Amino acid sequence: MRRCPRIMEEKEVQTLSKREQKKHMNRQNIINAAIQLFSSKPFSEVSMRAIAKDANVSPGLIYQYFDDQQHLFMTAFQIESTKLLNALRQTIETHDQQLAVLANKYVDYMNRHDNLYQMMTYFMLENDQHGSVSKGLRDITDDLFSIFREALSKHLPEKELKSAVQLFFASLNGILITYKNLPGRSSEATWQHMEHLVEILVATIKNYKSA
């Protein structure tokens, strides 16, 4: 898997030569355009030409920074997902691995950060697998699962953890997919309902008794 590049701080960018600053700006504009397009359409419907148009660069210039559509998607997705992973890790450190806090943090983050949610949803709902992208997504999911596993290990025996992590992930995403954009409720009422469902999920896990 390609490692997610470290995002340069503004003061670091300012130390670059004008030529390097221009290259950095071009690359960042391409990534930003990719994030917007990949979060608005399925992966297979986003062309490099469309990304170039939104980034205000020539299509050929993109290939100076990214090998192909899959490389660009993974870079965009890694940047967005790394923010989620960092937020979850911070939650674990701050709240002593409380499962309910972690679950609510995941749902709240995905509810508020629509780009990441839509990119993940569009890609997962497509029937085709996309080679290196699928592998990269599995690597990211493994990082996420390790965070969930650490929290769940406080409540479940080792032999149940693999299945519990998968169920936990599927349940949280199921809540999001079902209720995030459900019409007829205010955003506050929607969040309160999702929070209640998360509470039931966590209580169910804590009360689970292994056979």
C-alpha atoms as a PDB file:
ATOM      1  CA  MET A   1       0.000   0.000   0.000  1.00  0.00           C
ATOM      2  CA  ARG A   2       1.225   3.514  -0.724  1.00  0.00           C
ATOM      3  CA  ARG A   3       1.734   5.418   2.478  1.00  0.00           C
ATOM      4  CA  CYS A   4      -0.356   8.523   2.871  1.00  0.00           C
ATOM      5  CA  PRO A   5       1.919  11.543   2.301  1.00  0.00           C
ATOM      6  CA  ARG A   6       2.349  13.865   5.240  1.00  0.00           C
ATOM      7  CA  ILE A   7       0.366  17.051   4.749  1.00  0.00           C
ATOM      8  CA  MET A   8       2.723  20.007   4.694  1.00  0.00           C
ATOM      9  CA  GLU A   9       2.002  22.907   7.006  1.00  0.00           C
ATOM     10  CA  GLU A  10       1.703  26.379   5.531  1.00  0.00           C
ATOM     11  CA  LYS A  11       4.995  27.540   7.037  1.00  0.00           C
ATOM     12  CA  GLU A  12       6.744  24.586   5.387  1.00  0.00           C
ATOM     13  CA  VAL A  13       5.234  25.440   2.006  1.00  0.00           C
ATOM     14  CA  GLN A  14       6.503  28.987   2.324  1.00  0.00           C
ATOM     15  CA  THR A  15      10.093  27.746   2.636  1.00  0.00           C
ATOM     16  CA  LEU A  16       9.893  26.061  -0.787  1.00  0.00           C
ATOM     17  CA  SER A  17      11.105  27.701  -3.960  1.00  0.00           C
ATOM     18  CA  LYS A  18       8.453  29.310  -6.157  1.00  0.00           C
ATOM     19  CA  ARG A  19       8.704  26.382  -8.551  1.00  0.00           C
ATOM     20  CA  GLU A  20       8.227  23.846  -5.755  1.00  0.00           C
ATOM     21  CA  GLN A  21       5.353  25.883  -4.309  1.00  0.00           C
ATOM     22  CA  LYS A  22       3.650  25.787  -7.713  1.00  0.00           C
ATOM     23  CA  LYS A  23       4.111  22.017  -7.907  1.00  0.00           C
ATOM     24  CA  HIS A  24       2.746  21.636  -4.392  1.00  0.00           C
ATOM     25  CA  MET A  25      -0.259  23.812  -5.229  1.00  0.00           C
ATOM     26  CA  ASN A  26      -0.976  21.857  -8.416  1.00  0.00           C
ATOM     27  CA  ARG A  27      -0.825  18.554  -6.560  1.00  0.00           C
ATOM     28  CA  GLN A  28      -3.046  19.833  -3.756  1.00  0.00           C
ATOM     29  CA  ASN A  29      -5.598  21.225  -6.219  1.00  0.00           C
ATOM     30  CA  ILE A  30      -5.711  17.848  -7.974  1.00  0.00           C
ATOM     31  CA  ILE A  31      -6.263  16.025  -4.686  1.00  0.00           C
ATOM     32  CA  ASN A  32      -8.977  18.466  -3.596  1.00  0.00           C
ATOM     33  CA  ALA A  33     -10.770  18.070  -6.931  1.00  0.00           C
ATOM     34  CA  ALA A  34     -10.480  14.289  -6.672  1.00  0.00           C
ATOM     35  CA  ILE A  35     -11.970  14.275  -3.165  1.00  0.00           C
ATOM     36  CA  GLN A  36     -14.947  16.332  -4.325  1.00  0.00           C
ATOM     37  CA  LEU A  37     -15.604  14.196  -7.409  1.00  0.00           C
ATOM     38  CA  PHE A  38     -15.019  10.807  -5.782  1.00  0.00           C
ATOM     39  CA  SER A  39     -17.439  11.820  -3.030  1.00  0.00           C
ATOM     40  CA  SER A  40     -20.129  12.826  -5.527  1.00  0.00           C
ATOM     41  CA  LYS A  41     -19.965   9.912  -7.994  1.00  0.00           C
ATOM     42  CA  PRO A  42     -19.035   6.229  -8.023  1.00  0.00           C
ATOM     43  CA  PHE A  43     -15.345   5.498  -8.581  1.00  0.00           C
ATOM     44  CA  SER A  44     -15.954   4.131 -12.076  1.00  0.00           C
ATOM     45  CA  GLU A  45     -17.710   7.327 -13.200  1.00  0.00           C
ATOM     46  CA  VAL A  46     -14.914   9.732 -12.262  1.00  0.00           C
ATOM     47  CA  SER A  47     -12.482  10.383 -15.110  1.00  0.00           C
ATOM     48  CA  MET A  48      -9.025  11.902 -14.899  1.00  0.00           C
ATOM     49  CA  ARG A  49     -10.168  14.497 -17.436  1.00  0.00           C
ATOM     50  CA  ALA A  50     -13.003  15.601 -15.117  1.00  0.00           C
ATOM     51  CA  ILE A  51     -10.593  15.855 -12.187  1.00  0.00           C
ATOM     52  CA  ALA A  52      -8.189  17.906 -14.308  1.00  0.00           C
ATOM     53  CA  LYS A  53     -10.996  20.278 -15.313  1.00  0.00           C
ATOM     54  CA  ASP A  54     -12.055  20.853 -11.695  1.00  0.00           C
ATOM     55  CA  ALA A  55      -8.433  21.296 -10.613  1.00  0.00           C
ATOM     56  CA  ASN A  56      -7.852  23.752 -13.474  1.00  0.00           C
ATOM     57  CA  VAL A  57      -4.876  21.782 -14.811  1.00  0.00           C
ATOM     58  CA  SER A  58      -4.226  19.828 -17.999  1.00  0.00           C
ATOM     59  CA  PRO A  59      -5.047  16.102 -17.920  1.00  0.00           C
ATOM     60  CA  GLY A  60      -1.438  15.303 -18.757  1.00  0.00           C
ATOM     61  CA  LEU A  61      -0.192  17.195 -15.701  1.00  0.00           C
ATOM     62  CA  ILE A  62      -2.014  14.818 -13.345  1.00  0.00           C
ATOM     63  CA  TYR A  63       0.209  11.971 -14.499  1.00  0.00           C
ATOM     64  CA  GLN A  64       3.273  13.869 -13.280  1.00  0.00           C
ATOM     65  CA  TYR A  65       1.947  13.322  -9.753  1.00  0.00           C
ATOM     66  CA  PHE A  66      -0.218  10.188  -9.924  1.00  0.00           C
ATOM     67  CA  ASP A  67       0.184   6.946 -11.861  1.00  0.00           C
ATOM     68  CA  ASP A  68      -3.505   6.470 -12.636  1.00  0.00           C
ATOM     69  CA  GLN A  69      -7.057   6.907 -11.343  1.00  0.00           C
ATOM     70  CA  GLN A  70      -6.556   4.242  -8.668  1.00  0.00           C
ATOM     71  CA  HIS A  71      -3.418   5.911  -7.311  1.00  0.00           C
ATOM     72  CA  LEU A  72      -5.213   9.262  -7.122  1.00  0.00           C
ATOM     73  CA  PHE A  73      -8.276   7.746  -5.441  1.00  0.00           C
ATOM     74  CA  MET A  74      -6.140   6.018  -2.823  1.00  0.00           C
ATOM     75  CA  THR A  75      -4.177   9.186  -2.096  1.00  0.00           C
ATOM     76  CA  ALA A  76      -7.402  11.164  -1.630  1.00  0.00           C
ATOM     77  CA  PHE A  77      -9.012   8.420   0.433  1.00  0.00           C
ATOM     78  CA  GLN A  78      -5.933   7.915   2.608  1.00  0.00           C
ATOM     79  CA  ILE A  79      -5.755  11.619   3.411  1.00  0.00           C
ATOM     80  CA  GLU A  80      -9.411  11.716   4.473  1.00  0.00           C
ATOM     81  CA  SER A  81      -9.335   8.390   6.349  1.00  0.00           C
ATOM     82  CA  THR A  82      -6.133   9.294   8.206  1.00  0.00           C
ATOM     83  CA  LYS A  83      -7.998  12.226   9.749  1.00  0.00           C
ATOM     84  CA  LEU A  84     -10.668   9.778  10.965  1.00  0.00           C
ATOM     85  CA  LEU A  85      -8.116   7.323  12.355  1.00  0.00           C
ATOM     86  CA  ASN A  86      -6.293  10.096  14.197  1.00  0.00           C
ATOM     87  CA  ALA A  87      -9.567  11.352  15.702  1.00  0.00           C
ATOM     88  CA  LEU A  88     -10.457   7.840  16.894  1.00  0.00           C
ATOM     89  CA  ARG A  89      -7.000   7.218  18.358  1.00  0.00           C
ATOM     90  CA  GLN A  90      -7.220  10.498  20.229  1.00  0.00           C
ATOM     91  CA  THR A  91     -10.632   9.479  21.554  1.00  0.00           C
ATOM     92  CA  ILE A  92      -9.242   6.219  22.916  1.00  0.00           C
ATOM     93  CA  GLU A  93      -6.357   8.008  24.620  1.00  0.00           C
ATOM     94  CA  THR A  94      -8.582  10.693  26.112  1.00  0.00           C
ATOM     95  CA  HIS A  95     -11.442   8.475  27.269  1.00  0.00           C
ATOM     96  CA  ASP A  96      -9.596   5.381  28.419  1.00  0.00           C
ATOM     97  CA  GLN A  97     -10.940   3.170  25.626  1.00  0.00           C
ATOM     98  CA  GLN A  98     -14.616   3.591  26.440  1.00  0.00           C
ATOM     99  CA  LEU A  99     -16.511   1.675  23.776  1.00  0.00           C
ATOM    100  CA  ALA A 100     -19.542   3.965  23.740  1.00  0.00           C
ATOM    101  CA  VAL A 101     -17.405   7.069  23.281  1.00  0.00           C
ATOM    102  CA  LEU A 102     -15.477   5.436  20.434  1.00  0.00           C
ATOM    103  CA  ALA A 103     -18.660   4.271  18.696  1.00  0.00           C
ATOM    104  CA  ASN A 104     -20.279   7.697  18.976  1.00  0.00           C
ATOM    105  CA  LYS A 105     -17.102   9.366  17.742  1.00  0.00           C
ATOM    106  CA  TYR A 106     -17.042   7.183  14.610  1.00  0.00           C
ATOM    107  CA  VAL A 107     -20.707   7.817  13.788  1.00  0.00           C
ATOM    108  CA  ASP A 108     -20.440  11.527  14.563  1.00  0.00           C
ATOM    109  CA  TYR A 109     -17.285  11.942  12.469  1.00  0.00           C
ATOM    110  CA  MET A 110     -18.702  10.121   9.454  1.00  0.00           C
ATOM    111  CA  ASN A 111     -21.981  12.011   9.845  1.00  0.00           C
ATOM    112  CA  ARG A 112     -20.206  15.380   9.725  1.00  0.00           C
ATOM    113  CA  HIS A 113     -17.478  14.576   7.192  1.00  0.00           C
ATOM    114  CA  ASP A 114     -19.515  13.789   4.130  1.00  0.00           C
ATOM    115  CA  ASN A 115     -16.569  13.478   1.735  1.00  0.00           C
ATOM    116  CA  LEU A 116     -15.125  10.442   3.471  1.00  0.00           C
ATOM    117  CA  TYR A 117     -18.543   8.890   4.062  1.00  0.00           C
ATOM    118  CA  GLN A 118     -19.561   9.259   0.415  1.00  0.00           C
ATOM    119  CA  MET A 119     -16.232   8.025  -0.951  1.00  0.00           C
ATOM    120  CA  MET A 120     -16.457   4.906   1.189  1.00  0.00           C
ATOM    121  CA  THR A 121     -20.131   4.321   0.397  1.00  0.00           C
ATOM    122  CA  TYR A 122     -19.809   4.758  -3.372  1.00  0.00           C
ATOM    123  CA  PHE A 123     -16.835   2.446  -3.542  1.00  0.00           C
ATOM    124  CA  MET A 124     -18.326  -0.281  -1.325  1.00  0.00           C
ATOM    125  CA  LEU A 125     -21.591  -0.317  -3.266  1.00  0.00           C
ATOM    126  CA  GLU A 126     -19.900  -0.916  -6.609  1.00  0.00           C
ATOM    127  CA  ASN A 127     -19.870  -4.521  -7.749  1.00  0.00           C
ATOM    128  CA  ASP A 128     -16.451  -4.481  -9.390  1.00  0.00           C
ATOM    129  CA  GLN A 129     -13.221  -4.719  -7.451  1.00  0.00           C
ATOM    130  CA  HIS A 130     -10.502  -2.288  -8.435  1.00  0.00           C
ATOM    131  CA  GLY A 131      -7.200  -4.055  -7.875  1.00  0.00           C
ATOM    132  CA  SER A 132      -4.772  -1.977  -5.851  1.00  0.00           C
ATOM    133  CA  VAL A 133      -7.580   0.243  -4.582  1.00  0.00           C
ATOM    134  CA  SER A 134      -9.339  -2.705  -2.969  1.00  0.00           C
ATOM    135  CA  LYS A 135      -6.042  -3.753  -1.384  1.00  0.00           C
ATOM    136  CA  GLY A 136      -5.454  -0.230  -0.111  1.00  0.00           C
ATOM    137  CA  LEU A 137      -8.937  -0.043   1.365  1.00  0.00           C
ATOM    138  CA  ARG A 138      -8.345  -3.321   3.174  1.00  0.00           C
ATOM    139  CA  ASP A 139      -5.175  -1.885   4.683  1.00  0.00           C
ATOM    140  CA  ILE A 140      -7.069   1.161   5.924  1.00  0.00           C
ATOM    141  CA  THR A 141      -9.862  -1.046   7.255  1.00  0.00           C
ATOM    142  CA  ASP A 142      -7.278  -3.115   9.123  1.00  0.00           C
ATOM    143  CA  ASP A 143      -6.055   0.038  10.879  1.00  0.00           C
ATOM    144  CA  LEU A 144      -9.620   0.913  11.792  1.00  0.00           C
ATOM    145  CA  PHE A 145     -10.353  -2.615  12.966  1.00  0.00           C
ATOM    146  CA  SER A 146      -7.312  -2.583  15.244  1.00  0.00           C
ATOM    147  CA  ILE A 147      -8.726   0.459  17.034  1.00  0.00           C
ATOM    148  CA  PHE A 148     -12.124  -1.220  17.411  1.00  0.00           C
ATOM    149  CA  ARG A 149     -10.492  -4.448  18.549  1.00  0.00           C
ATOM    150  CA  GLU A 150      -8.604  -2.686  21.320  1.00  0.00           C
ATOM    151  CA  ALA A 151     -11.812  -1.178  22.688  1.00  0.00           C
ATOM    152  CA  LEU A 152     -13.851  -4.362  22.301  1.00  0.00           C
ATOM    153  CA  SER A 153     -11.179  -6.451  24.032  1.00  0.00           C
ATOM    154  CA  LYS A 154     -12.199  -4.822  27.305  1.00  0.00           C
ATOM    155  CA  HIS A 155     -15.604  -6.499  27.089  1.00  0.00           C
ATOM    156  CA  LEU A 156     -15.272  -9.685  25.050  1.00  0.00           C
ATOM    157  CA  PRO A 157     -13.063 -12.789  25.114  1.00  0.00           C
ATOM    158  CA  GLU A 158     -10.266 -13.127  22.564  1.00  0.00           C
ATOM    159  CA  LYS A 159     -12.039 -15.842  20.585  1.00  0.00           C
ATOM    160  CA  GLU A 160     -15.000 -13.519  19.877  1.00  0.00           C
ATOM    161  CA  LEU A 161     -13.050 -10.434  18.872  1.00  0.00           C
ATOM    162  CA  LYS A 162     -12.646 -10.991  15.124  1.00  0.00           C
ATOM    163  CA  SER A 163     -16.372 -11.479  14.557  1.00  0.00           C
ATOM    164  CA  ALA A 164     -17.248  -8.738  17.035  1.00  0.00           C
ATOM    165  CA  VAL A 165     -15.069  -6.185  15.237  1.00  0.00           C
ATOM    166  CA  GLN A 166     -16.699  -7.026  11.894  1.00  0.00           C
ATOM    167  CA  LEU A 167     -20.179  -6.802  13.414  1.00  0.00           C
ATOM    168  CA  PHE A 168     -19.331  -3.535  15.168  1.00  0.00           C
ATOM    169  CA  PHE A 169     -18.093  -1.964  11.927  1.00  0.00           C
ATOM    170  CA  ALA A 170     -21.064  -3.226   9.908  1.00  0.00           C
ATOM    171  CA  SER A 171     -23.549  -2.058  12.559  1.00  0.00           C
ATOM    172  CA  LEU A 172     -22.132   1.458  12.823  1.00  0.00           C
ATOM    173  CA  ASN A 173     -22.120   1.852   9.038  1.00  0.00           C
ATOM    174  CA  GLY A 174     -25.625   0.411   8.874  1.00  0.00           C
ATOM    175  CA  ILE A 175     -26.835   3.097  11.261  1.00  0.00           C
ATOM    176  CA  LEU A 176     -25.195   5.769   9.116  1.00  0.00           C
ATOM    177  CA  ILE A 177     -26.486   4.453   5.797  1.00  0.00           C
ATOM    178  CA  THR A 178     -30.027   4.039   7.126  1.00  0.00           C
ATOM    179  CA  TYR A 179     -30.458   7.299   9.028  1.00  0.00           C
ATOM    180  CA  LYS A 180     -27.838   9.851   7.941  1.00  0.00           C
ATOM    181  CA  ASN A 181     -29.903  11.287   5.081  1.00  0.00           C
ATOM    182  CA  LEU A 182     -33.344  10.080   6.109  1.00  0.00           C
ATOM    183  CA  PRO A 183     -35.903  12.808   5.263  1.00  0.00           C
ATOM    184  CA  GLY A 184     -38.507  14.121   7.657  1.00  0.00           C
ATOM    185  CA  ARG A 185     -36.295  14.769  10.683  1.00  0.00           C
ATOM    186  CA  SER A 186     -34.132  17.643  11.786  1.00  0.00           C
ATOM    187  CA  SER A 187     -30.384  17.064  11.931  1.00  0.00           C
ATOM    188  CA  GLU A 188     -30.567  17.222  15.728  1.00  0.00           C
ATOM    189  CA  ALA A 189     -33.353  14.624  15.904  1.00  0.00           C
ATOM    190  CA  THR A 190     -31.485  12.386  13.466  1.00  0.00           C
ATOM    191  CA  TRP A 191     -28.313  12.537  15.534  1.00  0.00           C
ATOM    192  CA  GLN A 192     -30.203  11.811  18.757  1.00  0.00           C
ATOM    193  CA  HIS A 193     -31.770   8.743  17.156  1.00  0.00           C
ATOM    194  CA  MET A 194     -28.428   7.481  15.842  1.00  0.00           C
ATOM    195  CA  GLU A 195     -26.869   8.094  19.249  1.00  0.00           C
ATOM    196  CA  HIS A 196     -29.639   6.034  20.861  1.00  0.00           C
ATOM    197  CA  LEU A 197     -29.048   3.171  18.421  1.00  0.00           C
ATOM    198  CA  VAL A 198     -25.325   3.278  19.172  1.00  0.00           C
ATOM    199  CA  GLU A 199     -26.145   3.121  22.879  1.00  0.00           C
ATOM    200  CA  ILE A 200     -28.232  -0.029  22.325  1.00  0.00           C
ATOM    201  CA  LEU A 201     -25.471  -1.585  20.207  1.00  0.00           C
ATOM    202  CA  VAL A 202     -22.830  -0.964  22.855  1.00  0.00           C
ATOM    203  CA  ALA A 203     -25.063  -2.262  25.647  1.00  0.00           C
ATOM    204  CA  THR A 204     -25.748  -5.412  23.633  1.00  0.00           C
ATOM    205  CA  ILE A 205     -22.039  -6.034  23.161  1.00  0.00           C
ATOM    206  CA  LYS A 206     -21.256  -5.463  26.840  1.00  0.00           C
ATOM    207  CA  ASN A 207     -24.036  -7.826  27.907  1.00  0.00           C
ATOM    208  CA  TYR A 208     -23.049 -10.548  25.452  1.00  0.00           C
ATOM    209  CA  LYS A 209     -22.325 -13.880  27.072  1.00  0.00           C
ATOM    210  CA  SER A 210     -20.150 -16.314  25.160  1.00  0.00           C
ATOM    211  CA  ALA A 211     -21.619 -19.778  24.761  1.00  0.00           C
END
